[in-house]
Amino acid sequence: MHSSFGLPYPAGHWFYSLQDLLDNPVFMVSFFVFWVATGQFLLTTAHRKFNIPETVEMVIIALLIILMTLSFYLCAILKASF
């Protein structure tokens, strides 16, 4: 693999770390767990501090699902483009 200048990437370059990370199935599971934990934290904090209704909670959940899906697509695009 080469950089945009045609030079090979040196060993230990961030590009190889990114490829290893995106190829690792443990990363994908950890990524999913991160989004679930983030959503749970945001919902409990918002519910406790602001006493929001259920419809607002559903909107927050929908937005988090969209954000999680987009971040998975970004990982897939990064993996496919390199």
PDB file of N, CA and C in Angstrom:
ATOM      1  N   MET A   1       0.836  -1.165   0.000  1.00  0.00           N
ATOM      2  CA  MET A   1       0.000   0.000   0.000  1.00  0.00           C
ATOM      3  C   MET A   1       0.886   1.235   0.000  1.00  0.00           C
ATOM      4  N   HIS A   2       0.398   2.261  -0.656  1.00  0.00           N
ATOM      5  CA  HIS A   2       1.219   3.450  -0.817  1.00  0.00           C
ATOM      6  C   HIS A   2       0.439   4.701  -0.438  1.00  0.00           C
ATOM      7  N   SER A   3       1.181   5.708  -0.068  1.00  0.00           N
ATOM      8  CA  SER A   3       0.572   6.992   0.253  1.00  0.00           C
ATOM      9  C   SER A   3       0.202   7.711  -1.039  1.00  0.00           C
ATOM     10  N   SER A   4      -0.370   8.888  -0.910  1.00  0.00           N
ATOM     11  CA  SER A   4      -0.769   9.638  -2.100  1.00  0.00           C
ATOM     12  C   SER A   4       0.437  10.102  -2.912  1.00  0.00           C
ATOM     13  N   PHE A   5       1.615  10.085  -2.312  1.00  0.00           N
ATOM     14  CA  PHE A   5       2.832  10.458  -3.031  1.00  0.00           C
ATOM     15  C   PHE A   5       3.516   9.253  -3.671  1.00  0.00           C
ATOM     16  N   GLY A   6       2.922   8.062  -3.548  1.00  0.00           N
ATOM     17  CA  GLY A   6       3.502   6.862  -4.133  1.00  0.00           C
ATOM     18  C   GLY A   6       4.532   6.189  -3.252  1.00  0.00           C
ATOM     19  N   LEU A   7       4.725   6.693  -2.055  1.00  0.00           N
ATOM     20  CA  LEU A   7       5.699   6.103  -1.143  1.00  0.00           C
ATOM     21  C   LEU A   7       5.018   5.035  -0.296  1.00  0.00           C
ATOM     22  N   PRO A   8       5.710   3.959   0.017  1.00  0.00           N
ATOM     23  CA  PRO A   8       5.088   2.935   0.868  1.00  0.00           C
ATOM     24  C   PRO A   8       4.917   3.452   2.297  1.00  0.00           C
ATOM     25  N   TYR A   9       3.858   2.980   2.949  1.00  0.00           N
ATOM     26  CA  TYR A   9       3.651   3.359   4.339  1.00  0.00           C
ATOM     27  C   TYR A   9       4.688   2.644   5.197  1.00  0.00           C
ATOM     28  N   PRO A  10       5.284   3.321   6.157  1.00  0.00           N
ATOM     29  CA  PRO A  10       6.246   2.648   7.033  1.00  0.00           C
ATOM     30  C   PRO A  10       5.528   1.719   8.004  1.00  0.00           C
ATOM     31  N   ALA A  11       6.254   0.737   8.500  1.00  0.00           N
ATOM     32  CA  ALA A  11       5.684  -0.181   9.487  1.00  0.00           C
ATOM     33  C   ALA A  11       5.285   0.616  10.723  1.00  0.00           C
ATOM     34  N   GLY A  12       4.157   0.275  11.308  1.00  0.00           N
ATOM     35  CA  GLY A  12       3.668   0.985  12.480  1.00  0.00           C
ATOM     36  C   GLY A  12       2.907   2.251  12.148  1.00  0.00           C
ATOM     37  N   HIS A  13       2.661   2.498  10.879  1.00  0.00           N
ATOM     38  CA  HIS A  13       1.915   3.686  10.466  1.00  0.00           C
ATOM     39  C   HIS A  13       0.463   3.540  10.908  1.00  0.00           C
ATOM     40  N   TRP A  14      -0.232   4.660  11.107  1.00  0.00           N
ATOM     41  CA  TRP A  14      -1.621   4.620  11.570  1.00  0.00           C
ATOM     42  C   TRP A  14      -2.517   3.876  10.601  1.00  0.00           C
ATOM     43  N   PHE A  15      -2.160   3.868   9.311  1.00  0.00           N
ATOM     44  CA  PHE A  15      -2.999   3.204   8.315  1.00  0.00           C
ATOM     45  C   PHE A  15      -3.102   1.713   8.601  1.00  0.00           C
ATOM     46  N   TYR A  16      -1.987   1.083   8.960  1.00  0.00           N
ATOM     47  CA  TYR A  16      -2.019  -0.340   9.266  1.00  0.00           C
ATOM     48  C   TYR A  16      -2.791  -0.599  10.550  1.00  0.00           C
ATOM     49  N   SER A  17      -2.692   0.287  11.496  1.00  0.00           N
ATOM     50  CA  SER A  17      -3.460   0.137  12.729  1.00  0.00           C
ATOM     51  C   SER A  17      -4.955   0.219  12.438  1.00  0.00           C
ATOM     52  N   LEU A  18      -5.350   1.131  11.555  1.00  0.00           N
ATOM     53  CA  LEU A  18      -6.755   1.265  11.189  1.00  0.00           C
ATOM     54  C   LEU A  18      -7.260   0.005  10.494  1.00  0.00           C
ATOM     55  N   GLN A  19      -6.466  -0.543   9.584  1.00  0.00           N
ATOM     56  CA  GLN A  19      -6.878  -1.763   8.893  1.00  0.00           C
ATOM     57  C   GLN A  19      -7.022  -2.920   9.866  1.00  0.00           C
ATOM     58  N   ASP A  20      -6.070  -3.068  10.778  1.00  0.00           N
ATOM     59  CA  ASP A  20      -6.159  -4.131  11.775  1.00  0.00           C
ATOM     60  C   ASP A  20      -7.393  -3.954  12.649  1.00  0.00           C
ATOM     61  N   LEU A  21      -7.680  -2.716  12.998  1.00  0.00           N
ATOM     62  CA  LEU A  21      -8.832  -2.440  13.844  1.00  0.00           C
ATOM     63  C   LEU A  21     -10.139  -2.771  13.130  1.00  0.00           C
ATOM     64  N   LEU A  22     -10.259  -2.372  11.874  1.00  0.00           N
ATOM     65  CA  LEU A  22     -11.497  -2.615  11.139  1.00  0.00           C
ATOM     66  C   LEU A  22     -11.677  -4.084  10.782  1.00  0.00           C
ATOM     67  N   ASP A  23     -10.586  -4.842  10.710  1.00  0.00           N
ATOM     68  CA  ASP A  23     -10.686  -6.274  10.427  1.00  0.00           C
ATOM     69  C   ASP A  23     -10.970  -7.096  11.677  1.00  0.00           C
ATOM     70  N   ASN A  24     -10.850  -6.493  12.832  1.00  0.00           N
ATOM     71  CA  ASN A  24     -10.999  -7.213  14.085  1.00  0.00           C
ATOM     72  C   ASN A  24     -12.477  -7.289  14.476  1.00  0.00           C
ATOM     73  N   PRO A  25     -13.043  -8.517  14.602  1.00  0.00           N
ATOM     74  CA  PRO A  25     -14.456  -8.622  14.980  1.00  0.00           C
ATOM     75  C   PRO A  25     -14.725  -8.146  16.406  1.00  0.00           C
ATOM     76  N   VAL A  26     -13.709  -8.202  17.260  1.00  0.00           N
ATOM     77  CA  VAL A  26     -13.895  -7.721  18.630  1.00  0.00           C
ATOM     78  C   VAL A  26     -14.155  -6.216  18.628  1.00  0.00           C
ATOM     79  N   PHE A  27     -13.530  -5.501  17.691  1.00  0.00           N
ATOM     80  CA  PHE A  27     -13.764  -4.059  17.590  1.00  0.00           C
ATOM     81  C   PHE A  27     -15.226  -3.779  17.267  1.00  0.00           C
ATOM     82  N   MET A  28     -15.804  -4.547  16.349  1.00  0.00           N
ATOM     83  CA  MET A  28     -17.198  -4.302  15.974  1.00  0.00           C
ATOM     84  C   MET A  28     -18.136  -4.555  17.155  1.00  0.00           C
ATOM     85  N   VAL A  29     -17.864  -5.600  17.922  1.00  0.00           N
ATOM     86  CA  VAL A  29     -18.687  -5.870  19.106  1.00  0.00           C
ATOM     87  C   VAL A  29     -18.507  -4.747  20.129  1.00  0.00           C
ATOM     88  N   SER A  30     -17.264  -4.332  20.336  1.00  0.00           N
ATOM     89  CA  SER A  30     -16.991  -3.245  21.281  1.00  0.00           C
ATOM     90  C   SER A  30     -17.634  -1.944  20.821  1.00  0.00           C
ATOM     91  N   PHE A  31     -17.622  -1.720  19.520  1.00  0.00           N
ATOM     92  CA  PHE A  31     -18.233  -0.530  18.944  1.00  0.00           C
ATOM     93  C   PHE A  31     -19.733  -0.518  19.225  1.00  0.00           C
ATOM     94  N   PHE A  32     -20.383  -1.666  19.036  1.00  0.00           N
ATOM     95  CA  PHE A  32     -21.811  -1.781  19.302  1.00  0.00           C
ATOM     96  C   PHE A  32     -22.096  -1.577  20.787  1.00  0.00           C
ATOM     97  N   VAL A  33     -21.295  -2.196  21.636  1.00  0.00           N
ATOM     98  CA  VAL A  33     -21.482  -2.053  23.084  1.00  0.00           C
ATOM     99  C   VAL A  33     -21.293  -0.596  23.506  1.00  0.00           C
ATOM    100  N   PHE A  34     -20.332   0.084  22.891  1.00  0.00           N
ATOM    101  CA  PHE A  34     -20.117   1.502  23.189  1.00  0.00           C
ATOM    102  C   PHE A  34     -21.373   2.309  22.887  1.00  0.00           C
ATOM    103  N   TRP A  35     -21.994   2.076  21.723  1.00  0.00           N
ATOM    104  CA  TRP A  35     -23.183   2.852  21.363  1.00  0.00           C
ATOM    105  C   TRP A  35     -24.367   2.518  22.264  1.00  0.00           C
ATOM    106  N   VAL A  36     -24.503   1.257  22.643  1.00  0.00           N
ATOM    107  CA  VAL A  36     -25.596   0.887  23.548  1.00  0.00           C
ATOM    108  C   VAL A  36     -25.387   1.537  24.913  1.00  0.00           C
ATOM    109  N   ALA A  37     -24.155   1.492  25.412  1.00  0.00           N
ATOM    110  CA  ALA A  37     -23.865   2.104  26.714  1.00  0.00           C
ATOM    111  C   ALA A  37     -24.050   3.619  26.663  1.00  0.00           C
ATOM    112  N   THR A  38     -23.633   4.240  25.570  1.00  0.00           N
ATOM    113  CA  THR A  38     -23.813   5.684  25.417  1.00  0.00           C
ATOM    114  C   THR A  38     -25.294   6.046  25.406  1.00  0.00           C
ATOM    115  N   GLY A  39     -26.080   5.292  24.664  1.00  0.00           N
ATOM    116  CA  GLY A  39     -27.521   5.542  24.614  1.00  0.00           C
ATOM    117  C   GLY A  39     -28.180   5.360  25.967  1.00  0.00           C
ATOM    118  N   GLN A  40     -27.798   4.296  26.658  1.00  0.00           N
ATOM    119  CA  GLN A  40     -28.363   4.047  27.985  1.00  0.00           C
ATOM    120  C   GLN A  40     -27.998   5.173  28.948  1.00  0.00           C
ATOM    121  N   PHE A  41     -26.752   5.605  28.905  1.00  0.00           N
ATOM    122  CA  PHE A  41     -26.311   6.700  29.776  1.00  0.00           C
ATOM    123  C   PHE A  41     -27.063   7.995  29.470  1.00  0.00           C
ATOM    124  N   LEU A  42     -27.184   8.325  28.190  1.00  0.00           N
ATOM    125  CA  LEU A  42     -27.882   9.559  27.820  1.00  0.00           C
ATOM    126  C   LEU A  42     -29.352   9.522  28.223  1.00  0.00           C
ATOM    127  N   LEU A  43     -29.985   8.378  28.015  1.00  0.00           N
ATOM    128  CA  LEU A  43     -31.405   8.288  28.363  1.00  0.00           C
ATOM    129  C   LEU A  43     -31.634   8.365  29.860  1.00  0.00           C
ATOM    130  N   THR A  44     -30.825   7.655  30.637  1.00  0.00           N
ATOM    131  CA  THR A  44     -31.029   7.703  32.088  1.00  0.00           C
ATOM    132  C   THR A  44     -30.707   9.084  32.646  1.00  0.00           C
ATOM    133  N   THR A  45     -29.658   9.718  32.123  1.00  0.00           N
ATOM    134  CA  THR A  45     -29.309  11.063  32.585  1.00  0.00           C
ATOM    135  C   THR A  45     -30.396  12.065  32.216  1.00  0.00           C
ATOM    136  N   ALA A  46     -30.861  12.009  30.986  1.00  0.00           N
ATOM    137  CA  ALA A  46     -31.900  12.943  30.551  1.00  0.00           C
ATOM    138  C   ALA A  46     -33.202  12.709  31.309  1.00  0.00           C
ATOM    139  N   HIS A  47     -33.533  11.446  31.540  1.00  0.00           N
ATOM    140  CA  HIS A  47     -34.782  11.145  32.244  1.00  0.00           C
ATOM    141  C   HIS A  47     -34.701  11.595  33.703  1.00  0.00           C
ATOM    142  N   ARG A  48     -33.554  11.379  34.326  1.00  0.00           N
ATOM    143  CA  ARG A  48     -33.393  11.740  35.729  1.00  0.00           C
ATOM    144  C   ARG A  48     -33.361  13.257  35.924  1.00  0.00           C
ATOM    145  N   LYS A  49     -32.639  13.960  35.065  1.00  0.00           N
ATOM    146  CA  LYS A  49     -32.473  15.404  35.262  1.00  0.00           C
ATOM    147  C   LYS A  49     -33.640  16.224  34.728  1.00  0.00           C
ATOM    148  N   PHE A  50     -34.200  15.799  33.611  1.00  0.00           N
ATOM    149  CA  PHE A  50     -35.207  16.632  32.952  1.00  0.00           C
ATOM    150  C   PHE A  50     -36.611  16.054  33.007  1.00  0.00           C
ATOM    151  N   ASN A  51     -36.749  14.800  33.446  1.00  0.00           N
ATOM    152  CA  ASN A  51     -38.043  14.126  33.525  1.00  0.00           C
ATOM    153  C   ASN A  51     -38.787  14.245  32.194  1.00  0.00           C
ATOM    154  N   ILE A  52     -38.161  13.775  31.138  1.00  0.00           N
ATOM    155  CA  ILE A  52     -38.713  13.900  29.790  1.00  0.00           C
ATOM    156  C   ILE A  52     -39.784  12.840  29.541  1.00  0.00           C
ATOM    157  N   PRO A  53     -40.737  13.126  28.675  1.00  0.00           N
ATOM    158  CA  PRO A  53     -41.774  12.134  28.353  1.00  0.00           C
ATOM    159  C   PRO A  53     -41.221  11.012  27.464  1.00  0.00           C
ATOM    160  N   GLU A  54     -42.024   9.964  27.339  1.00  0.00           N
ATOM    161  CA  GLU A  54     -41.589   8.794  26.567  1.00  0.00           C
ATOM    162  C   GLU A  54     -41.385   9.103  25.094  1.00  0.00           C
ATOM    163  N   THR A  55     -42.163  10.001  24.544  1.00  0.00           N
ATOM    164  CA  THR A  55     -42.005  10.314  23.120  1.00  0.00           C
ATOM    165  C   THR A  55     -40.639  10.935  22.839  1.00  0.00           C
ATOM    166  N   VAL A  56     -40.165  11.770  23.752  1.00  0.00           N
ATOM    167  CA  VAL A  56     -38.837  12.363  23.580  1.00  0.00           C
ATOM    168  C   VAL A  56     -37.767  11.281  23.714  1.00  0.00           C
ATOM    169  N   GLU A  57     -37.978  10.335  24.628  1.00  0.00           N
ATOM    170  CA  GLU A  57     -37.041   9.217  24.756  1.00  0.00           C
ATOM    171  C   GLU A  57     -36.977   8.418  23.459  1.00  0.00           C
ATOM    172  N   MET A  58     -38.116   8.194  22.841  1.00  0.00           N
ATOM    173  CA  MET A  58     -38.138   7.449  21.577  1.00  0.00           C
ATOM    174  C   MET A  58     -37.395   8.205  20.476  1.00  0.00           C
ATOM    175  N   VAL A  59     -37.538   9.519  20.456  1.00  0.00           N
ATOM    176  CA  VAL A  59     -36.815  10.323  19.466  1.00  0.00           C
ATOM    177  C   VAL A  59     -35.312  10.229  19.709  1.00  0.00           C
ATOM    178  N   ILE A  60     -34.896  10.286  20.969  1.00  0.00           N
ATOM    179  CA  ILE A  60     -33.475  10.156  21.292  1.00  0.00           C
ATOM    180  C   ILE A  60     -32.958   8.788  20.871  1.00  0.00           C
ATOM    181  N   ILE A  61     -33.731   7.744  21.131  1.00  0.00           N
ATOM    182  CA  ILE A  61     -33.328   6.393  20.727  1.00  0.00           C
ATOM    183  C   ILE A  61     -33.208   6.311  19.212  1.00  0.00           C
ATOM    184  N   ALA A  62     -34.161   6.878  18.495  1.00  0.00           N
ATOM    185  CA  ALA A  62     -34.110   6.846  17.028  1.00  0.00           C
ATOM    186  C   ALA A  62     -32.883   7.589  16.509  1.00  0.00           C
ATOM    187  N   LEU A  63     -32.582   8.742  17.090  1.00  0.00           N
ATOM    188  CA  LEU A  63     -31.397   9.494  16.667  1.00  0.00           C
ATOM    189  C   LEU A  63     -30.111   8.724  16.960  1.00  0.00           C
ATOM    190  N   LEU A  64     -30.053   8.054  18.099  1.00  0.00           N
ATOM    191  CA  LEU A  64     -28.870   7.251  18.418  1.00  0.00           C
ATOM    192  C   LEU A  64     -28.724   6.065  17.470  1.00  0.00           C
ATOM    193  N   ILE A  65     -29.837   5.453  17.088  1.00  0.00           N
ATOM    194  CA  ILE A  65     -29.774   4.342  16.132  1.00  0.00           C
ATOM    195  C   ILE A  65     -29.272   4.836  14.784  1.00  0.00           C
ATOM    196  N   ILE A  66     -29.753   5.995  14.359  1.00  0.00           N
ATOM    197  CA  ILE A  66     -29.281   6.567  13.091  1.00  0.00           C
ATOM    198  C   ILE A  66     -27.790   6.879  13.172  1.00  0.00           C
ATOM    199  N   LEU A  67     -27.360   7.471  14.275  1.00  0.00           N
ATOM    200  CA  LEU A  67     -25.941   7.789  14.448  1.00  0.00           C
ATOM    201  C   LEU A  67     -25.083   6.530  14.481  1.00  0.00           C
ATOM    202  N   MET A  68     -25.564   5.491  15.160  1.00  0.00           N
ATOM    203  CA  MET A  68     -24.829   4.231  15.210  1.00  0.00           C
ATOM    204  C   MET A  68     -24.731   3.615  13.820  1.00  0.00           C
ATOM    205  N   THR A  69     -25.814   3.627  13.070  1.00  0.00           N
ATOM    206  CA  THR A  69     -25.806   3.071  11.715  1.00  0.00           C
ATOM    207  C   THR A  69     -24.846   3.835  10.813  1.00  0.00           C
ATOM    208  N   LEU A  70     -24.873   5.151  10.892  1.00  0.00           N
ATOM    209  CA  LEU A  70     -23.955   5.952  10.080  1.00  0.00           C
ATOM    210  C   LEU A  70     -22.499   5.697  10.448  1.00  0.00           C
ATOM    211  N   SER A  71     -22.227   5.500  11.722  1.00  0.00           N
ATOM    212  CA  SER A  71     -20.845   5.230  12.110  1.00  0.00           C
ATOM    213  C   SER A  71     -20.404   3.845  11.644  1.00  0.00           C
ATOM    214  N   PHE A  72     -21.316   2.864  11.622  1.00  0.00           N
ATOM    215  CA  PHE A  72     -20.975   1.553  11.058  1.00  0.00           C
ATOM    216  C   PHE A  72     -20.711   1.670   9.563  1.00  0.00           C
ATOM    217  N   TYR A  73     -21.524   2.462   8.867  1.00  0.00           N
ATOM    218  CA  TYR A  73     -21.279   2.686   7.438  1.00  0.00           C
ATOM    219  C   TYR A  73     -19.937   3.365   7.203  1.00  0.00           C
ATOM    220  N   LEU A  74     -19.585   4.310   8.064  1.00  0.00           N
ATOM    221  CA  LEU A  74     -18.288   4.971   7.939  1.00  0.00           C
ATOM    222  C   LEU A  74     -17.154   3.967   8.099  1.00  0.00           C
ATOM    223  N   CYS A  75     -17.288   3.061   9.063  1.00  0.00           N
ATOM    224  CA  CYS A  75     -16.268   2.016   9.230  1.00  0.00           C
ATOM    225  C   CYS A  75     -16.195   1.135   7.991  1.00  0.00           C
ATOM    226  N   ALA A  76     -17.346   0.782   7.431  1.00  0.00           N
ATOM    227  CA  ALA A  76     -17.354  -0.055   6.227  1.00  0.00           C
ATOM    228  C   ALA A  76     -16.739   0.677   5.040  1.00  0.00           C
ATOM    229  N   ILE A  77     -17.019   1.963   4.906  1.00  0.00           N
ATOM    230  CA  ILE A  77     -16.439   2.745   3.808  1.00  0.00           C
ATOM    231  C   ILE A  77     -14.933   2.853   3.975  1.00  0.00           C
ATOM    232  N   LEU A  78     -14.482   3.099   5.202  1.00  0.00           N
ATOM    233  CA  LEU A  78     -13.042   3.175   5.445  1.00  0.00           C
ATOM    234  C   LEU A  78     -12.364   1.852   5.122  1.00  0.00           C
ATOM    235  N   LYS A  79     -13.004   0.757   5.509  1.00  0.00           N
ATOM    236  CA  LYS A  79     -12.419  -0.561   5.246  1.00  0.00           C
ATOM    237  C   LYS A  79     -12.370  -0.835   3.749  1.00  0.00           C
ATOM    238  N   ALA A  80     -13.408  -0.461   3.017  1.00  0.00           N
ATOM    239  CA  ALA A  80     -13.469  -0.744   1.580  1.00  0.00           C
ATOM    240  C   ALA A  80     -12.552   0.171   0.776  1.00  0.00           C
ATOM    241  N   SER A  81     -12.352   1.394   1.251  1.00  0.00           N
ATOM    242  CA  SER A  81     -11.568   2.338   0.454  1.00  0.00           C
ATOM    243  C   SER A  81     -10.072   2.115   0.574  1.00  0.00           C
ATOM    244  N   PHE A  82      -9.646   1.426   1.608  1.00  0.00           N
ATOM    245  CA  PHE A  82      -8.217   1.185   1.758  1.00  0.00           C
ATOM    246  C   PHE A  82      -7.945  -0.236   1.391  1.00  0.00           C
TER     247      PHE A  82
END
